[in-house]
Structure formats: C-alpha cells, structure tokens
Protein backbone atom coordinates (compact mmCIF):
# COMPACT_ATOMS: atom_id res chain seq x y z
CA MET A 1 0.00 0.00 0.00
CA LYS A 2 1.29 3.46 -0.85
CA PRO A 3 1.04 6.43 1.52
CA ILE A 4 -1.10 9.43 0.63
CA SER A 5 2.03 11.51 0.24
CA ILE A 6 5.76 11.33 0.81
CA PHE A 7 8.10 14.22 0.13
CA GLU A 8 11.50 15.54 1.06
CA GLU A 9 12.22 19.07 2.17
CA LYS A 10 14.52 21.16 4.35
CA GLU A 11 13.70 21.66 8.00
CA TYR A 12 15.47 24.44 9.87
CA ILE A 13 16.71 23.56 13.34
CA ASP A 14 18.56 26.29 15.22
CA GLY A 15 18.71 28.26 11.97
CA ARG A 16 20.54 25.49 10.11
CA PRO A 17 18.95 23.50 7.28
CA ARG A 18 18.53 19.75 7.76
CA ASP A 19 17.16 17.17 5.35
CA ALA A 20 13.67 16.03 6.28
CA ILE A 21 11.10 13.64 4.92
CA THR A 22 7.36 13.86 5.51
CA ILE A 23 5.11 10.83 5.19
CA ILE A 24 1.30 11.03 5.31
CA LEU A 25 0.03 7.52 5.95
CA LYS A 26 -3.19 6.16 4.52
CA THR A 27 -5.40 5.15 7.47
CA ILE A 28 -9.08 4.89 8.37
CA GLY A 29 -9.34 8.64 8.96
CA CYS A 30 -10.76 10.56 11.86
CA TYR A 31 -13.97 9.82 13.71
CA ARG A 32 -15.67 13.11 12.84
CA ALA A 33 -15.18 12.67 9.10
CA ARG A 34 -16.20 8.97 9.15
CA GLU A 35 -19.38 9.76 11.04
CA GLY A 36 -20.28 12.58 8.66
CA LYS A 37 -20.10 15.16 11.45
CA GLY A 38 -18.10 17.51 9.30
CA CYS A 39 -14.43 18.22 9.45
CA LEU A 40 -12.77 21.53 8.72
CA MET A 41 -9.19 20.46 9.39
CA CYS A 42 -8.26 18.53 6.25
CA GLY A 43 -9.54 16.70 3.20
CA PHE A 44 -7.76 13.41 3.89
CA ILE A 45 -11.07 11.54 4.26
CA ARG A 46 -11.12 11.30 0.46
CA ASP A 47 -7.86 9.31 0.61
CA CYS A 48 -8.72 7.04 3.55
CA VAL A 49 -9.34 3.32 3.58
CA ARG A 50 -12.68 1.97 4.80
CA ARG A 51 -11.30 -0.44 7.39
CA VAL A 52 -8.80 -0.54 10.22
CA LEU A 53 -5.39 -1.46 8.84
CA GLU A 54 -3.15 -4.15 10.25
CA PRO A 55 0.16 -2.89 11.69
CA ASP A 56 2.16 -4.37 8.80
CA GLU A 57 -0.04 -2.49 6.30
CA ILE A 58 0.85 0.78 8.01
CA VAL A 59 4.58 0.00 8.21
CA SER A 60 4.61 -1.05 4.53
CA GLN A 61 3.74 2.55 3.58
CA ILE A 62 7.07 3.84 4.88
CA ASP A 63 9.80 3.83 2.25
CA PHE A 64 12.78 3.13 4.50
CA ASP A 65 15.17 3.35 1.55
CA ARG A 66 14.47 7.10 1.29
CA ILE A 67 15.30 7.74 4.95
CA GLU A 68 18.94 8.61 5.46
CA GLU A 69 20.93 8.77 8.68
CA GLY A 70 20.43 12.10 10.43
CA MET A 71 17.32 12.93 8.43
CA ILE A 72 14.32 14.36 10.27
CA VAL A 73 11.31 12.08 9.78
CA LYS A 74 7.79 13.50 10.14
CA ILE A 75 4.89 11.03 10.09
CA PHE A 76 1.25 12.04 9.89
CA THR A 77 -1.93 10.03 9.40
CA SER A 78 -4.97 10.70 7.27
CA GLY A 79 -6.96 11.30 10.43
CA SER A 80 -5.92 11.01 14.03
CA PHE A 81 -3.20 8.93 15.64
CA PHE A 82 -5.81 8.09 18.29
CA ASP A 83 -8.17 6.59 15.68
C-alpha cells in the first residue's frame, strides 16, 4: 500500500537547514469525518481506507530506503493517531 504523500524538504533547526522527509500515511481517517459530522481540518477523508489497517499495512507505507541517517522524519496520518 502506498502512503497518501511522501516528500522531502529542508527543516530548519537552530537556523541550520537539515534534510527532512514527511510521510502522510493512509489510514481509516478521523472519527468526525467517518461519522459525517463535518471536518474543517483537512480533506484526507477522500484518501482514507474503509477499514482498520493491520500494523504491517501501516509500516509497509514507509519507504525506509528514502530515509537517510540524520534525516528528520515527520509522520502524519490521514486522520488522528488516536483513531
């Protein structure tokens, strides 16, 4: 399974640029969006799956070959980490 998005950028720590990678994982999405209660935070519900994923399905979305030593890694979900 592929993530919703994965991209590399520069992150500035103490005014110095560092390589960073951002990964937005495909997940079931947040409760409010799934229940049709309306969500104003993001549009990730359009990219969500309709079932709870197994742990290996989530890990398979991370392209470990793109992560280099010392790189900042930012991981987000298409909803809430609590969901």
